[in-house]
Amino acid sequence: MTLIVHQIWGVLLLTFFSAVKTWTCIQYFPPPTHCVLIQRTFIHVTASPSVSVACVRGHDGAPTMLCASEGFYPADLKQAWLRDGEYISYMNTALQRPTYEETLSTSHINWTYRNNTDGSYSLLSYLHLSADIKEQVMYYCWVNHTTLSKPITVIMSSTECTEREVEFTGLVVRFIVVGTLFGLLIATAMFIEIYFQYLNKTRLTSL
């Protein structure tokens, strides 16, 4: 009976996002045991970033833009914010690489760099908008990575965040007004009911 034993040095599935490695496969035929084949495979794992933008609320409740570059490998990535086509921030993780999970801050931007459990990386940047923005401003999140044939640029208007904030505030105000009126209506109905019960009781007593 021929027995084939495969020995793969390392667990490929558990280290999918590991660095560039050469994996060795050795086949033995016993008995007597002797090596019949040695194969080496060069594996270079890469993963492109998934880029998205969204409107969120900052710690102070102010409208904030989020640019997320997630699931990329290797770790080096460039991400920038532009306002009306001009750079306002730039991050190159190859030059300024944070630790496993770290948040870097400037006056109006917070960066969060994270090493995910599967070995990939994520970079999140929060752009805090000025509360006194009166006109529409176009913001661009620009991302570049070695796996991309060209940089990814995602565009978002400042009004997409500020108008949502105004809309949310308007909904809250309307909810408060409607709730107050409804409460007054119920209170008035209860007062009238109690008043008429009192009148009926008074009439019965007088009889």
N, C-alpha and C. Protein backbone atom coordinates (compact mmCIF):
# COMPACT_ATOMS: atom_id res chain seq x y z
N MET A 1 0.85 -1.19 0.00
CA MET A 1 0.00 0.00 0.00
C MET A 1 0.88 1.24 0.00
N THR A 2 0.54 2.16 -0.83
CA THR A 2 1.31 3.40 -0.94
C THR A 2 0.69 4.47 -0.06
N LEU A 3 1.48 5.11 0.76
CA LEU A 3 1.02 6.16 1.66
C LEU A 3 1.70 7.47 1.29
N ILE A 4 0.90 8.49 1.07
CA ILE A 4 1.43 9.80 0.73
C ILE A 4 1.18 10.75 1.90
N VAL A 5 2.21 11.35 2.40
CA VAL A 5 2.10 12.28 3.52
C VAL A 5 2.51 13.66 3.03
N HIS A 6 1.65 14.65 3.24
CA HIS A 6 1.94 16.02 2.84
C HIS A 6 2.30 16.82 4.10
N GLN A 7 3.42 17.46 4.08
CA GLN A 7 3.83 18.32 5.19
C GLN A 7 3.97 19.74 4.65
N ILE A 8 3.13 20.62 5.11
CA ILE A 8 3.17 22.02 4.69
C ILE A 8 3.63 22.84 5.89
N TRP A 9 4.76 23.49 5.74
CA TRP A 9 5.33 24.23 6.87
C TRP A 9 4.58 25.54 7.03
N GLY A 10 3.80 25.60 8.11
CA GLY A 10 2.95 26.76 8.37
C GLY A 10 1.51 26.39 8.07
N VAL A 11 0.61 27.12 8.63
CA VAL A 11 -0.81 26.90 8.39
C VAL A 11 -1.29 28.03 7.50
N LEU A 12 -1.49 27.71 6.24
CA LEU A 12 -1.78 28.74 5.25
C LEU A 12 -3.08 29.46 5.54
N LEU A 13 -4.12 28.73 5.94
CA LEU A 13 -5.41 29.35 6.15
C LEU A 13 -5.40 30.33 7.32
N LEU A 14 -4.65 30.01 8.35
CA LEU A 14 -4.62 30.85 9.53
C LEU A 14 -3.71 32.05 9.37
N THR A 15 -2.85 32.01 8.39
CA THR A 15 -1.93 33.13 8.17
C THR A 15 -2.09 33.67 6.76
N PHE A 16 -3.35 33.86 6.38
CA PHE A 16 -3.65 34.27 5.00
C PHE A 16 -3.01 35.60 4.66
N PHE A 17 -3.01 36.52 5.62
CA PHE A 17 -2.44 37.83 5.37
C PHE A 17 -1.03 37.94 5.94
N SER A 18 -0.28 36.85 5.91
CA SER A 18 1.10 36.91 6.39
C SER A 18 1.98 37.55 5.34
N ALA A 19 3.23 37.77 5.70
CA ALA A 19 4.16 38.39 4.76
C ALA A 19 4.49 37.42 3.63
N VAL A 20 5.28 37.90 2.68
CA VAL A 20 5.68 37.06 1.56
C VAL A 20 6.46 35.86 2.08
N LYS A 21 6.05 34.65 1.69
CA LYS A 21 6.70 33.45 2.20
C LYS A 21 6.81 32.39 1.11
N THR A 22 7.73 31.46 1.32
CA THR A 22 7.85 30.29 0.46
C THR A 22 7.36 29.08 1.24
N TRP A 23 6.33 28.41 0.70
CA TRP A 23 5.75 27.25 1.36
C TRP A 23 6.32 25.99 0.72
N THR A 24 6.67 25.00 1.56
CA THR A 24 7.32 23.77 1.09
C THR A 24 6.39 22.57 1.30
N CYS A 25 6.25 21.76 0.27
CA CYS A 25 5.46 20.53 0.35
C CYS A 25 6.39 19.35 0.07
N ILE A 26 6.44 18.39 1.01
CA ILE A 26 7.32 17.22 0.89
C ILE A 26 6.47 15.96 0.87
N GLN A 27 6.71 15.07 -0.07
CA GLN A 27 5.97 13.81 -0.18
C GLN A 27 6.91 12.63 0.13
N TYR A 28 6.41 11.71 0.97
CA TYR A 28 7.17 10.52 1.33
C TYR A 28 6.39 9.27 0.91
N PHE A 29 7.13 8.23 0.49
CA PHE A 29 6.53 6.93 0.16
C PHE A 29 7.15 5.87 1.07
N PRO A 30 6.46 5.40 2.08
CA PRO A 30 6.96 4.27 2.88
C PRO A 30 6.30 2.97 2.44
N PRO A 31 6.80 1.79 2.88
CA PRO A 31 8.18 1.62 3.39
C PRO A 31 9.12 1.21 2.26
N PRO A 32 10.40 1.32 2.33
CA PRO A 32 11.04 2.19 3.34
C PRO A 32 10.79 3.65 3.00
N THR A 33 10.82 4.49 3.97
CA THR A 33 10.51 5.90 3.75
C THR A 33 11.61 6.57 2.94
N HIS A 34 11.20 7.19 1.88
CA HIS A 34 12.15 7.98 1.09
C HIS A 34 11.41 9.14 0.43
N CYS A 35 12.10 10.21 0.28
CA CYS A 35 11.51 11.43 -0.29
C CYS A 35 11.45 11.28 -1.81
N VAL A 36 10.27 11.52 -2.36
CA VAL A 36 10.09 11.39 -3.81
C VAL A 36 9.83 12.74 -4.48
N LEU A 37 9.42 13.74 -3.69
CA LEU A 37 9.08 15.02 -4.31
C LEU A 37 9.20 16.15 -3.31
N ILE A 38 9.80 17.22 -3.72
CA ILE A 38 9.84 18.46 -2.94
C ILE A 38 9.36 19.60 -3.84
N GLN A 39 8.31 20.28 -3.41
CA GLN A 39 7.78 21.40 -4.16
C GLN A 39 7.77 22.65 -3.28
N ARG A 40 8.17 23.76 -3.86
CA ARG A 40 8.15 25.03 -3.14
C ARG A 40 7.28 26.02 -3.90
N THR A 41 6.42 26.69 -3.16
CA THR A 41 5.50 27.66 -3.76
C THR A 41 5.72 29.03 -3.15
N PHE A 42 5.92 30.02 -3.99
CA PHE A 42 6.11 31.40 -3.53
C PHE A 42 4.75 32.08 -3.51
N ILE A 43 4.36 32.56 -2.34
CA ILE A 43 3.04 33.18 -2.17
C ILE A 43 3.20 34.63 -1.72
N HIS A 44 2.57 35.51 -2.45
CA HIS A 44 2.56 36.93 -2.11
C HIS A 44 1.11 37.36 -1.99
N VAL A 45 0.63 37.52 -0.77
CA VAL A 45 -0.78 37.84 -0.52
C VAL A 45 -0.98 39.35 -0.52
N THR A 46 -1.98 39.82 -1.26
CA THR A 46 -2.34 41.23 -1.28
C THR A 46 -3.85 41.37 -1.19
N ALA A 47 -4.31 42.51 -0.72
CA ALA A 47 -5.74 42.80 -0.64
C ALA A 47 -5.95 44.29 -0.84
N SER A 48 -6.86 44.63 -1.74
CA SER A 48 -7.14 46.04 -2.03
C SER A 48 -8.04 46.64 -0.96
N PRO A 49 -7.90 47.93 -0.68
CA PRO A 49 -8.75 48.57 0.33
C PRO A 49 -10.17 48.78 -0.17
N SER A 50 -11.11 48.62 0.72
CA SER A 50 -12.50 48.98 0.45
C SER A 50 -12.71 50.39 1.01
N VAL A 51 -13.02 51.35 0.13
CA VAL A 51 -13.07 52.76 0.52
C VAL A 51 -14.52 53.25 0.52
N SER A 52 -14.91 53.94 1.57
CA SER A 52 -16.26 54.49 1.68
C SER A 52 -16.22 55.77 2.50
N VAL A 53 -17.22 56.63 2.29
CA VAL A 53 -17.37 57.85 3.08
C VAL A 53 -18.77 57.89 3.66
N ALA A 54 -18.91 58.57 4.79
CA ALA A 54 -20.21 58.66 5.45
C ALA A 54 -20.24 59.89 6.34
N CYS A 55 -21.44 60.30 6.70
CA CYS A 55 -21.63 61.40 7.65
C CYS A 55 -21.91 60.81 9.03
N VAL A 56 -21.16 61.25 10.01
CA VAL A 56 -21.34 60.80 11.39
C VAL A 56 -21.35 62.02 12.29
N ARG A 57 -21.56 61.80 13.56
CA ARG A 57 -21.52 62.88 14.55
C ARG A 57 -20.23 62.80 15.33
N GLY A 58 -19.60 63.96 15.53
CA GLY A 58 -18.40 64.02 16.33
C GLY A 58 -18.71 63.92 17.81
N HIS A 59 -17.66 63.94 18.63
CA HIS A 59 -17.86 63.85 20.08
C HIS A 59 -18.66 65.04 20.61
N ASP A 60 -18.55 66.19 19.94
CA ASP A 60 -19.29 67.37 20.36
C ASP A 60 -20.64 67.49 19.69
N GLY A 61 -21.04 66.47 18.93
CA GLY A 61 -22.32 66.50 18.25
C GLY A 61 -22.31 67.18 16.90
N ALA A 62 -21.16 67.75 16.52
CA ALA A 62 -21.06 68.47 15.25
C ALA A 62 -20.98 67.49 14.08
N PRO A 63 -21.44 67.89 12.88
CA PRO A 63 -21.36 67.00 11.72
C PRO A 63 -19.91 66.69 11.36
N THR A 64 -19.65 65.44 11.04
CA THR A 64 -18.29 64.97 10.76
C THR A 64 -18.33 64.01 9.58
N MET A 65 -17.33 64.12 8.71
CA MET A 65 -17.19 63.20 7.58
C MET A 65 -16.22 62.08 7.94
N LEU A 66 -16.58 60.86 7.59
CA LEU A 66 -15.73 59.70 7.84
C LEU A 66 -15.29 59.11 6.51
N CYS A 67 -13.97 58.90 6.36
CA CYS A 67 -13.43 58.18 5.22
C CYS A 67 -12.79 56.90 5.75
N ALA A 68 -13.26 55.76 5.28
CA ALA A 68 -12.79 54.47 5.77
C ALA A 68 -12.12 53.68 4.66
N SER A 69 -10.86 53.30 4.89
CA SER A 69 -10.13 52.38 4.00
C SER A 69 -9.93 51.09 4.79
N GLU A 70 -10.60 50.03 4.39
CA GLU A 70 -10.65 48.83 5.21
C GLU A 70 -10.20 47.59 4.45
N GLY A 71 -9.59 46.65 5.19
CA GLY A 71 -9.26 45.33 4.66
C GLY A 71 -8.12 45.30 3.67
N PHE A 72 -7.14 46.19 3.79
CA PHE A 72 -6.04 46.21 2.82
C PHE A 72 -4.80 45.51 3.37
N TYR A 73 -3.97 45.03 2.44
CA TYR A 73 -2.69 44.40 2.76
C TYR A 73 -1.81 44.44 1.52
N PRO A 74 -0.55 44.80 1.63
CA PRO A 74 0.23 45.08 2.84
C PRO A 74 -0.18 46.38 3.53
N ALA A 75 0.53 46.70 4.61
CA ALA A 75 0.08 47.74 5.53
C ALA A 75 0.26 49.16 5.00
N ASP A 76 1.13 49.37 4.03
CA ASP A 76 1.42 50.72 3.56
C ASP A 76 0.26 51.26 2.72
N LEU A 77 -0.26 52.42 3.13
CA LEU A 77 -1.39 53.03 2.42
C LEU A 77 -1.29 54.54 2.54
N LYS A 78 -1.73 55.23 1.51
CA LYS A 78 -1.77 56.69 1.51
C LYS A 78 -3.23 57.14 1.47
N GLN A 79 -3.57 58.07 2.35
CA GLN A 79 -4.94 58.59 2.40
C GLN A 79 -4.89 60.09 2.64
N ALA A 80 -5.72 60.82 1.93
CA ALA A 80 -5.71 62.28 2.04
C ALA A 80 -7.12 62.83 1.93
N TRP A 81 -7.32 64.00 2.56
CA TRP A 81 -8.54 64.78 2.40
C TRP A 81 -8.23 66.00 1.54
N LEU A 82 -9.13 66.30 0.60
CA LEU A 82 -9.02 67.50 -0.21
C LEU A 82 -10.30 68.30 -0.10
N ARG A 83 -10.17 69.62 -0.13
CA ARG A 83 -11.33 70.50 -0.10
C ARG A 83 -11.31 71.36 -1.35
N ASP A 84 -12.32 71.19 -2.18
CA ASP A 84 -12.39 71.89 -3.47
C ASP A 84 -11.10 71.69 -4.28
N GLY A 85 -10.56 70.46 -4.22
CA GLY A 85 -9.39 70.11 -5.02
C GLY A 85 -8.05 70.40 -4.38
N GLU A 86 -8.02 70.99 -3.18
CA GLU A 86 -6.76 71.33 -2.50
C GLU A 86 -6.57 70.43 -1.28
N TYR A 87 -5.33 69.94 -1.10
CA TYR A 87 -5.02 69.06 0.03
C TYR A 87 -5.16 69.81 1.35
N ILE A 88 -5.86 69.18 2.30
CA ILE A 88 -5.93 69.73 3.65
C ILE A 88 -5.34 68.76 4.68
N SER A 89 -5.09 67.51 4.27
CA SER A 89 -4.45 66.54 5.16
C SER A 89 -3.88 65.41 4.32
N TYR A 90 -2.89 64.71 4.90
CA TYR A 90 -2.24 63.61 4.18
C TYR A 90 -1.66 62.64 5.20
N MET A 91 -1.89 61.34 4.97
CA MET A 91 -1.34 60.30 5.84
C MET A 91 -0.69 59.23 4.98
N ASN A 92 0.57 58.94 5.25
CA ASN A 92 1.30 57.85 4.60
C ASN A 92 1.75 56.89 5.68
N THR A 93 1.11 55.73 5.77
CA THR A 93 1.42 54.81 6.86
C THR A 93 2.81 54.20 6.73
N ALA A 94 3.42 54.30 5.54
CA ALA A 94 4.79 53.81 5.39
C ALA A 94 5.78 54.73 6.09
N LEU A 95 5.44 56.02 6.19
CA LEU A 95 6.32 57.00 6.83
C LEU A 95 5.96 57.21 8.29
N GLN A 96 4.67 57.13 8.59
CA GLN A 96 4.20 57.38 9.96
C GLN A 96 3.23 56.26 10.32
N ARG A 97 3.77 55.10 10.61
CA ARG A 97 2.92 53.95 10.90
C ARG A 97 2.64 53.86 12.39
N PRO A 98 1.36 53.96 12.77
CA PRO A 98 1.01 53.82 14.19
C PRO A 98 1.20 52.38 14.65
N THR A 99 0.91 52.14 15.91
CA THR A 99 1.01 50.80 16.47
C THR A 99 -0.22 49.99 16.10
N TYR A 100 -0.43 48.86 16.81
CA TYR A 100 -1.52 47.94 16.49
C TYR A 100 -2.85 48.67 16.32
N GLU A 101 -3.18 49.52 17.25
CA GLU A 101 -4.38 50.35 17.11
C GLU A 101 -4.10 51.68 17.79
N GLU A 102 -4.10 52.73 17.03
CA GLU A 102 -3.72 54.03 17.56
C GLU A 102 -4.51 55.12 16.86
N THR A 103 -4.81 56.18 17.59
CA THR A 103 -5.52 57.33 17.03
C THR A 103 -4.60 58.53 17.03
N LEU A 104 -4.43 59.13 15.86
CA LEU A 104 -3.64 60.35 15.71
C LEU A 104 -4.59 61.50 15.45
N SER A 105 -4.29 62.67 16.00
CA SER A 105 -5.20 63.80 15.88
C SER A 105 -4.48 65.05 15.43
N THR A 106 -5.20 65.86 14.64
CA THR A 106 -4.78 67.22 14.33
C THR A 106 -5.90 68.13 14.81
N SER A 107 -5.87 69.38 14.42
CA SER A 107 -6.86 70.32 14.90
C SER A 107 -8.27 69.97 14.43
N HIS A 108 -8.40 69.37 13.24
CA HIS A 108 -9.72 69.09 12.70
C HIS A 108 -9.86 67.68 12.12
N ILE A 109 -8.84 66.83 12.28
CA ILE A 109 -8.90 65.48 11.73
C ILE A 109 -8.37 64.48 12.75
N ASN A 110 -9.08 63.37 12.90
CA ASN A 110 -8.63 62.25 13.72
C ASN A 110 -8.40 61.04 12.82
N TRP A 111 -7.25 60.37 13.00
CA TRP A 111 -6.92 59.18 12.23
C TRP A 111 -6.90 57.98 13.17
N THR A 112 -7.51 56.89 12.76
CA THR A 112 -7.46 55.64 13.52
C THR A 112 -6.93 54.53 12.62
N TYR A 113 -5.78 53.98 13.00
CA TYR A 113 -5.12 52.93 12.23
C TYR A 113 -5.24 51.63 13.00
N ARG A 114 -5.72 50.56 12.33
CA ARG A 114 -6.03 49.34 13.06
C ARG A 114 -5.54 48.11 12.30
N ASN A 115 -4.98 47.16 13.05
CA ASN A 115 -4.61 45.85 12.51
C ASN A 115 -5.74 44.88 12.81
N ASN A 116 -6.44 44.41 11.79
CA ASN A 116 -7.62 43.57 11.98
C ASN A 116 -7.23 42.15 12.39
N THR A 117 -8.21 41.41 12.89
CA THR A 117 -7.95 40.05 13.38
C THR A 117 -7.52 39.10 12.27
N ASP A 118 -7.89 39.38 11.02
CA ASP A 118 -7.50 38.50 9.92
C ASP A 118 -6.14 38.86 9.34
N GLY A 119 -5.47 39.86 9.94
CA GLY A 119 -4.15 40.26 9.48
C GLY A 119 -4.15 41.44 8.54
N SER A 120 -5.32 41.83 8.04
CA SER A 120 -5.40 43.00 7.17
C SER A 120 -5.38 44.27 8.02
N TYR A 121 -5.44 45.43 7.36
CA TYR A 121 -5.35 46.72 8.06
C TYR A 121 -6.52 47.62 7.66
N SER A 122 -6.81 48.57 8.53
CA SER A 122 -7.85 49.57 8.26
C SER A 122 -7.35 50.93 8.72
N LEU A 123 -7.72 51.96 7.97
CA LEU A 123 -7.38 53.33 8.32
C LEU A 123 -8.64 54.17 8.21
N LEU A 124 -9.05 54.77 9.32
CA LEU A 124 -10.24 55.62 9.37
C LEU A 124 -9.82 57.05 9.66
N SER A 125 -10.41 58.00 8.95
CA SER A 125 -10.12 59.41 9.22
C SER A 125 -11.43 60.16 9.36
N TYR A 126 -11.49 61.00 10.41
CA TYR A 126 -12.69 61.78 10.72
C TYR A 126 -12.38 63.26 10.48
N LEU A 127 -13.11 63.86 9.56
CA LEU A 127 -12.93 65.27 9.24
C LEU A 127 -14.06 66.07 9.88
N HIS A 128 -13.71 66.91 10.85
CA HIS A 128 -14.71 67.70 11.57
C HIS A 128 -15.03 68.97 10.79
N LEU A 129 -16.29 69.13 10.43
CA LEU A 129 -16.71 70.28 9.63
C LEU A 129 -16.94 71.49 10.52
N SER A 130 -16.72 72.66 9.93
CA SER A 130 -16.97 73.90 10.65
C SER A 130 -18.47 74.12 10.78
N ALA A 131 -18.88 74.60 11.94
CA ALA A 131 -20.31 74.79 12.18
C ALA A 131 -20.88 75.98 11.41
N ASP A 132 -20.01 76.88 10.93
CA ASP A 132 -20.48 78.09 10.26
C ASP A 132 -20.37 78.00 8.74
N ILE A 133 -20.36 76.78 8.19
CA ILE A 133 -20.32 76.63 6.73
C ILE A 133 -21.66 77.08 6.16
N LYS A 134 -21.63 78.09 5.29
CA LYS A 134 -22.86 78.64 4.72
C LYS A 134 -23.10 78.19 3.29
N GLU A 135 -22.04 77.83 2.58
CA GLU A 135 -22.19 77.44 1.19
C GLU A 135 -21.69 76.01 0.99
N GLN A 136 -22.02 75.46 -0.16
CA GLN A 136 -21.63 74.09 -0.46
C GLN A 136 -20.13 73.98 -0.72
N VAL A 137 -19.48 73.03 -0.05
CA VAL A 137 -18.06 72.77 -0.23
C VAL A 137 -17.90 71.30 -0.59
N MET A 138 -17.09 71.02 -1.62
CA MET A 138 -16.87 69.65 -2.06
C MET A 138 -15.61 69.09 -1.38
N TYR A 139 -15.76 67.95 -0.72
CA TYR A 139 -14.64 67.27 -0.06
C TYR A 139 -14.34 65.97 -0.79
N TYR A 140 -13.06 65.63 -0.86
CA TYR A 140 -12.61 64.44 -1.56
C TYR A 140 -11.77 63.59 -0.60
N CYS A 141 -12.07 62.30 -0.55
CA CYS A 141 -11.21 61.35 0.16
C CYS A 141 -10.41 60.60 -0.89
N TRP A 142 -9.10 60.76 -0.86
CA TRP A 142 -8.19 60.18 -1.86
C TRP A 142 -7.39 59.07 -1.20
N VAL A 143 -7.37 57.88 -1.83
CA VAL A 143 -6.69 56.71 -1.26
C VAL A 143 -5.85 56.05 -2.34
N ASN A 144 -4.61 55.68 -1.98
CA ASN A 144 -3.75 54.95 -2.91
C ASN A 144 -3.08 53.79 -2.18
N HIS A 145 -2.92 52.68 -2.91
CA HIS A 145 -2.35 51.46 -2.34
C HIS A 145 -1.65 50.69 -3.46
N THR A 146 -0.69 49.87 -3.09
CA THR A 146 0.08 49.14 -4.11
C THR A 146 -0.78 48.19 -4.93
N THR A 147 -1.92 47.79 -4.41
CA THR A 147 -2.79 46.86 -5.14
C THR A 147 -3.70 47.57 -6.15
N LEU A 148 -3.72 48.89 -6.14
CA LEU A 148 -4.62 49.65 -7.01
C LEU A 148 -3.92 50.06 -8.29
N SER A 149 -4.62 49.95 -9.41
CA SER A 149 -4.06 50.42 -10.68
C SER A 149 -4.06 51.94 -10.75
N LYS A 150 -4.98 52.57 -10.02
CA LYS A 150 -5.00 54.02 -9.89
C LYS A 150 -5.67 54.37 -8.56
N PRO A 151 -5.39 55.56 -8.01
CA PRO A 151 -5.97 55.93 -6.72
C PRO A 151 -7.50 55.97 -6.76
N ILE A 152 -8.10 55.75 -5.61
CA ILE A 152 -9.56 55.85 -5.46
C ILE A 152 -9.90 57.21 -4.87
N THR A 153 -10.86 57.90 -5.47
CA THR A 153 -11.31 59.19 -4.98
C THR A 153 -12.82 59.15 -4.78
N VAL A 154 -13.27 59.45 -3.57
CA VAL A 154 -14.70 59.48 -3.25
C VAL A 154 -15.07 60.91 -2.87
N ILE A 155 -16.15 61.41 -3.45
CA ILE A 155 -16.54 62.81 -3.27
C ILE A 155 -17.78 62.90 -2.39
N MET A 156 -17.80 63.91 -1.52
CA MET A 156 -18.98 64.18 -0.70
C MET A 156 -19.12 65.68 -0.50
N SER A 157 -20.34 66.16 -0.56
CA SER A 157 -20.61 67.59 -0.36
C SER A 157 -20.86 67.87 1.12
N SER A 158 -20.44 69.05 1.56
CA SER A 158 -20.66 69.44 2.96
C SER A 158 -22.14 69.50 3.29
N THR A 159 -22.97 69.84 2.29
CA THR A 159 -24.41 69.95 2.55
C THR A 159 -25.04 68.59 2.84
N GLU A 160 -24.40 67.50 2.38
CA GLU A 160 -24.93 66.18 2.68
C GLU A 160 -24.91 65.89 4.17
N CYS A 161 -23.95 66.49 4.87
CA CYS A 161 -23.87 66.31 6.32
C CYS A 161 -24.66 67.39 7.06
N THR A 162 -24.49 68.66 6.64
CA THR A 162 -25.15 69.75 7.35
C THR A 162 -26.66 69.71 7.16
N GLU A 163 -27.12 69.35 5.96
CA GLU A 163 -28.57 69.28 5.73
C GLU A 163 -29.19 68.14 6.52
N ARG A 164 -28.46 67.04 6.65
CA ARG A 164 -28.96 65.94 7.47
C ARG A 164 -29.07 66.37 8.92
N GLU A 165 -28.10 67.18 9.35
CA GLU A 165 -28.14 67.68 10.73
C GLU A 165 -29.35 68.57 10.94
N VAL A 166 -29.61 69.47 9.95
CA VAL A 166 -30.77 70.36 10.05
C VAL A 166 -32.06 69.56 10.00
N GLU A 167 -32.10 68.55 9.10
CA GLU A 167 -33.29 67.71 8.99
C GLU A 167 -33.55 66.96 10.28
N PHE A 168 -32.48 66.43 10.89
CA PHE A 168 -32.63 65.71 12.15
C PHE A 168 -33.13 66.65 13.25
N THR A 169 -32.57 67.86 13.29
CA THR A 169 -33.01 68.84 14.29
C THR A 169 -34.47 69.20 14.09
N GLY A 170 -34.87 69.38 12.81
CA GLY A 170 -36.26 69.70 12.52
C GLY A 170 -37.20 68.59 12.95
N LEU A 171 -36.80 67.34 12.74
CA LEU A 171 -37.63 66.22 13.16
C LEU A 171 -37.79 66.19 14.67
N VAL A 172 -36.70 66.47 15.38
CA VAL A 172 -36.76 66.49 16.84
C VAL A 172 -37.70 67.59 17.32
N VAL A 173 -37.59 68.79 16.71
CA VAL A 173 -38.45 69.91 17.10
C VAL A 173 -39.91 69.57 16.84
N ARG A 174 -40.20 69.00 15.65
CA ARG A 174 -41.59 68.65 15.33
C ARG A 174 -42.11 67.59 16.30
N PHE A 175 -41.26 66.65 16.65
CA PHE A 175 -41.67 65.61 17.59
C PHE A 175 -42.02 66.22 18.95
N ILE A 176 -41.21 67.17 19.39
CA ILE A 176 -41.47 67.82 20.68
C ILE A 176 -42.76 68.61 20.64
N VAL A 177 -42.97 69.37 19.54
CA VAL A 177 -44.18 70.19 19.42
C VAL A 177 -45.43 69.31 19.38
N VAL A 178 -45.40 68.26 18.53
CA VAL A 178 -46.56 67.37 18.43
C VAL A 178 -46.81 66.66 19.76
N GLY A 179 -45.75 66.22 20.41
CA GLY A 179 -45.91 65.56 21.70
C GLY A 179 -46.51 66.48 22.75
N THR A 180 -46.06 67.74 22.75
CA THR A 180 -46.59 68.71 23.71
C THR A 180 -48.07 68.97 23.47
N LEU A 181 -48.45 69.17 22.18
CA LEU A 181 -49.86 69.41 21.86
C LEU A 181 -50.73 68.21 22.22
N PHE A 182 -50.21 67.03 21.94
CA PHE A 182 -50.97 65.82 22.27
C PHE A 182 -51.15 65.69 23.78
N GLY A 183 -50.10 66.02 24.53
CA GLY A 183 -50.20 65.97 25.98
C GLY A 183 -51.21 66.97 26.51
N LEU A 184 -51.22 68.18 25.94
CA LEU A 184 -52.19 69.19 26.36
C LEU A 184 -53.61 68.76 26.03
N LEU A 185 -53.78 68.12 24.87
CA LEU A 185 -55.11 67.65 24.48
C LEU A 185 -55.63 66.60 25.46
N ILE A 186 -54.77 65.66 25.84
CA ILE A 186 -55.17 64.64 26.81
C ILE A 186 -55.48 65.26 28.16
N ALA A 187 -54.65 66.22 28.59
CA ALA A 187 -54.89 66.87 29.88
C ALA A 187 -56.21 67.63 29.87
N THR A 188 -56.51 68.30 28.75
CA THR A 188 -57.77 69.05 28.64
C THR A 188 -58.97 68.11 28.69
N ALA A 189 -58.88 66.98 27.97
CA ALA A 189 -59.97 66.01 27.97
C ALA A 189 -60.19 65.44 29.37
N MET A 190 -59.12 65.16 30.09
CA MET A 190 -59.26 64.64 31.45
C MET A 190 -59.88 65.68 32.37
N PHE A 191 -59.49 66.94 32.19
CA PHE A 191 -60.05 68.01 33.03
C PHE A 191 -61.55 68.15 32.80
N ILE A 192 -61.96 68.11 31.50
CA ILE A 192 -63.39 68.23 31.19
C ILE A 192 -64.17 67.06 31.77
N GLU A 193 -63.61 65.85 31.65
CA GLU A 193 -64.28 64.67 32.19
C GLU A 193 -64.45 64.76 33.70
N ILE A 194 -63.41 65.17 34.39
CA ILE A 194 -63.48 65.31 35.86
C ILE A 194 -64.47 66.41 36.24
N TYR A 195 -64.49 67.48 35.45
CA TYR A 195 -65.39 68.61 35.76
C TYR A 195 -66.84 68.19 35.63
N PHE A 196 -67.17 67.45 34.53
CA PHE A 196 -68.55 67.01 34.36
C PHE A 196 -68.94 65.98 35.41
N GLN A 197 -68.02 65.12 35.81
CA GLN A 197 -68.32 64.18 36.89
C GLN A 197 -68.62 64.93 38.19
N TYR A 198 -67.89 66.00 38.41
CA TYR A 198 -68.12 66.81 39.62
C TYR A 198 -69.49 67.47 39.56
N LEU A 199 -69.86 68.00 38.38
CA LEU A 199 -71.18 68.64 38.24
C LEU A 199 -72.30 67.64 38.47
N ASN A 200 -72.17 66.44 37.90
CA ASN A 200 -73.21 65.43 38.09
C ASN A 200 -73.33 65.02 39.55
N LYS A 201 -72.21 64.89 40.22
CA LYS A 201 -72.25 64.52 41.64
C LYS A 201 -72.91 65.63 42.46
N THR A 202 -72.63 66.88 42.10
CA THR A 202 -73.23 68.01 42.82
C THR A 202 -74.74 68.04 42.64
N ARG A 203 -75.21 67.77 41.41
CA ARG A 203 -76.65 67.76 41.14
C ARG A 203 -77.35 66.65 41.91
N LEU A 204 -76.74 65.46 41.94
CA LEU A 204 -77.33 64.36 42.67
C LEU A 204 -77.41 64.65 44.16
N THR A 205 -76.40 65.31 44.67
CA THR A 205 -76.38 65.65 46.10
C THR A 205 -77.48 66.66 46.43
N SER A 206 -77.69 67.62 45.52
CA SER A 206 -78.70 68.65 45.76
C SER A 206 -80.10 68.09 45.70
N LEU A 207 -80.32 67.01 44.95
CA LEU A 207 -81.63 66.39 44.89
C LEU A 207 -81.91 65.59 46.17
